[in-house]
Every structure is written in C-alpha cells, then in structure tokens.
Amino acid sequence: MVVAGVVLLFPGLCFLAFGGQGAPFVLIGFVLIGIAVFLFIRAATPPKPRQ
C-alpha cells in the first residue's frame, strides 16, 4: 500500500517539476498531489465497524 501511495504521488510531483510554469499548471499539480494523498490516507485507515 505504501508503494502504491508513493507511486500515485509521482505524476503530481513530476508535473510540478517539469510541467508548465504558469499558475493553472501549478494548480493542476497540487490537485493531483492532493487527490493522491487523500486516497492514500483513505486506504491506510481501517474501516469503521458496522452496527
């Protein structure tokens, strides 16, 4: 899971490093990183027990 989470971060980080330098491109990179972090945290937390 950790490896998959880190792999999900690569597109956003590479986009910020090598992508366009304009403001919209930086925003897209941050969105990609934010989505990857959210999915990684969601996958890492245990599910809540059902009642």
N, C-alpha and C. Protein backbone atom coordinates (compact mmCIF):
# COMPACT_ATOMS: atom_id res chain seq x y z
N MET A 1 0.82 -1.20 0.00
CA MET A 1 0.00 0.00 0.00
C MET A 1 0.86 1.26 0.00
N VAL A 2 1.93 1.21 0.77
CA VAL A 2 2.81 2.40 0.83
C VAL A 2 3.43 2.65 -0.54
N VAL A 3 3.87 1.59 -1.19
CA VAL A 3 4.48 1.74 -2.51
C VAL A 3 3.45 2.30 -3.50
N ALA A 4 2.23 1.79 -3.45
CA ALA A 4 1.18 2.29 -4.34
C ALA A 4 0.89 3.76 -4.06
N GLY A 5 0.89 4.16 -2.80
CA GLY A 5 0.66 5.56 -2.46
C GLY A 5 1.75 6.47 -2.98
N VAL A 6 2.99 6.02 -2.86
CA VAL A 6 4.11 6.83 -3.36
C VAL A 6 4.06 6.91 -4.88
N VAL A 7 3.70 5.82 -5.53
CA VAL A 7 3.59 5.83 -6.99
C VAL A 7 2.50 6.81 -7.43
N LEU A 8 1.42 6.91 -6.66
CA LEU A 8 0.35 7.85 -7.01
C LEU A 8 0.81 9.30 -6.88
N LEU A 9 1.81 9.56 -6.06
CA LEU A 9 2.31 10.93 -5.91
C LEU A 9 3.19 11.36 -7.08
N PHE A 10 3.82 10.42 -7.78
CA PHE A 10 4.77 10.76 -8.83
C PHE A 10 4.20 11.63 -9.95
N PRO A 11 3.00 11.36 -10.48
CA PRO A 11 2.52 12.23 -11.57
C PRO A 11 2.39 13.69 -11.15
N GLY A 12 1.89 13.94 -9.96
CA GLY A 12 1.75 15.32 -9.50
C GLY A 12 3.09 15.99 -9.27
N LEU A 13 4.03 15.27 -8.66
CA LEU A 13 5.35 15.85 -8.40
C LEU A 13 6.11 16.10 -9.70
N CYS A 14 6.05 15.16 -10.61
CA CYS A 14 6.73 15.33 -11.90
C CYS A 14 6.10 16.47 -12.69
N PHE A 15 4.79 16.60 -12.60
CA PHE A 15 4.12 17.69 -13.31
C PHE A 15 4.56 19.04 -12.76
N LEU A 16 4.70 19.14 -11.44
CA LEU A 16 5.16 20.40 -10.86
C LEU A 16 6.61 20.68 -11.22
N ALA A 17 7.44 19.63 -11.25
CA ALA A 17 8.87 19.82 -11.51
C ALA A 17 9.15 20.14 -12.98
N PHE A 18 8.51 19.40 -13.89
CA PHE A 18 8.86 19.51 -15.31
C PHE A 18 7.74 20.09 -16.17
N GLY A 19 6.59 20.31 -15.60
CA GLY A 19 5.45 20.80 -16.37
C GLY A 19 5.56 22.29 -16.63
N GLY A 20 4.44 22.85 -17.04
CA GLY A 20 4.40 24.27 -17.34
C GLY A 20 4.66 25.12 -16.10
N GLN A 21 5.06 26.34 -16.33
CA GLN A 21 5.40 27.24 -15.23
C GLN A 21 4.27 28.21 -14.90
N GLY A 22 3.16 28.12 -15.61
CA GLY A 22 2.04 29.03 -15.37
C GLY A 22 1.24 28.63 -14.14
N ALA A 23 0.44 29.56 -13.65
CA ALA A 23 -0.36 29.33 -12.45
C ALA A 23 -1.38 28.20 -12.62
N PRO A 24 -2.06 28.08 -13.75
CA PRO A 24 -3.02 26.97 -13.88
C PRO A 24 -2.34 25.60 -13.80
N PHE A 25 -1.13 25.51 -14.33
CA PHE A 25 -0.43 24.23 -14.30
C PHE A 25 0.00 23.86 -12.89
N VAL A 26 0.40 24.83 -12.10
CA VAL A 26 0.77 24.56 -10.71
C VAL A 26 -0.46 24.11 -9.94
N LEU A 27 -1.59 24.72 -10.20
CA LEU A 27 -2.85 24.32 -9.54
C LEU A 27 -3.21 22.88 -9.89
N ILE A 28 -3.06 22.50 -11.15
CA ILE A 28 -3.35 21.12 -11.55
C ILE A 28 -2.41 20.15 -10.83
N GLY A 29 -1.14 20.52 -10.69
CA GLY A 29 -0.19 19.66 -9.97
C GLY A 29 -0.58 19.49 -8.51
N PHE A 30 -0.98 20.57 -7.87
CA PHE A 30 -1.40 20.47 -6.47
C PHE A 30 -2.66 19.64 -6.33
N VAL A 31 -3.56 19.73 -7.28
CA VAL A 31 -4.78 18.92 -7.24
C VAL A 31 -4.43 17.44 -7.36
N LEU A 32 -3.50 17.10 -8.27
CA LEU A 32 -3.09 15.71 -8.42
C LEU A 32 -2.46 15.18 -7.15
N ILE A 33 -1.61 15.99 -6.52
CA ILE A 33 -0.97 15.56 -5.27
C ILE A 33 -2.01 15.42 -4.17
N GLY A 34 -2.94 16.37 -4.09
CA GLY A 34 -3.98 16.30 -3.06
C GLY A 34 -4.85 15.06 -3.19
N ILE A 35 -5.22 14.72 -4.42
CA ILE A 35 -6.03 13.52 -4.64
C ILE A 35 -5.26 12.27 -4.23
N ALA A 36 -3.97 12.22 -4.59
CA ALA A 36 -3.16 11.05 -4.23
C ALA A 36 -3.04 10.91 -2.72
N VAL A 37 -2.81 12.02 -2.01
CA VAL A 37 -2.68 11.97 -0.56
C VAL A 37 -4.01 11.54 0.07
N PHE A 38 -5.12 12.08 -0.42
CA PHE A 38 -6.43 11.71 0.11
C PHE A 38 -6.70 10.22 -0.06
N LEU A 39 -6.43 9.70 -1.25
CA LEU A 39 -6.66 8.28 -1.49
C LEU A 39 -5.74 7.40 -0.66
N PHE A 40 -4.51 7.85 -0.47
CA PHE A 40 -3.56 7.08 0.34
C PHE A 40 -4.01 7.03 1.80
N ILE A 41 -4.45 8.14 2.35
CA ILE A 41 -4.92 8.17 3.74
C ILE A 41 -6.19 7.34 3.88
N ARG A 42 -7.08 7.43 2.89
CA ARG A 42 -8.32 6.66 2.95
C ARG A 42 -8.04 5.16 2.90
N ALA A 43 -7.07 4.75 2.12
CA ALA A 43 -6.73 3.33 2.03
C ALA A 43 -5.98 2.85 3.27
N ALA A 44 -5.27 3.75 3.95
CA ALA A 44 -4.46 3.35 5.10
C ALA A 44 -5.28 3.28 6.39
N THR A 45 -6.41 3.97 6.45
CA THR A 45 -7.21 3.93 7.68
C THR A 45 -8.10 2.71 7.69
N PRO A 46 -8.25 2.09 8.85
CA PRO A 46 -9.11 0.90 8.92
C PRO A 46 -10.58 1.29 8.78
N PRO A 47 -11.38 0.40 8.22
CA PRO A 47 -12.80 0.71 8.07
C PRO A 47 -13.51 0.75 9.42
N LYS A 48 -14.54 1.57 9.51
CA LYS A 48 -15.31 1.67 10.75
C LYS A 48 -16.20 0.43 10.88
N PRO A 49 -16.33 -0.09 12.09
CA PRO A 49 -17.19 -1.26 12.26
C PRO A 49 -18.66 -0.90 12.07
N ARG A 50 -19.40 -1.78 11.43
CA ARG A 50 -20.82 -1.54 11.21
C ARG A 50 -21.61 -2.04 12.42
N GLN A 51 -22.68 -1.33 12.70
CA GLN A 51 -23.51 -1.71 13.85
C GLN A 51 -24.85 -2.21 13.39
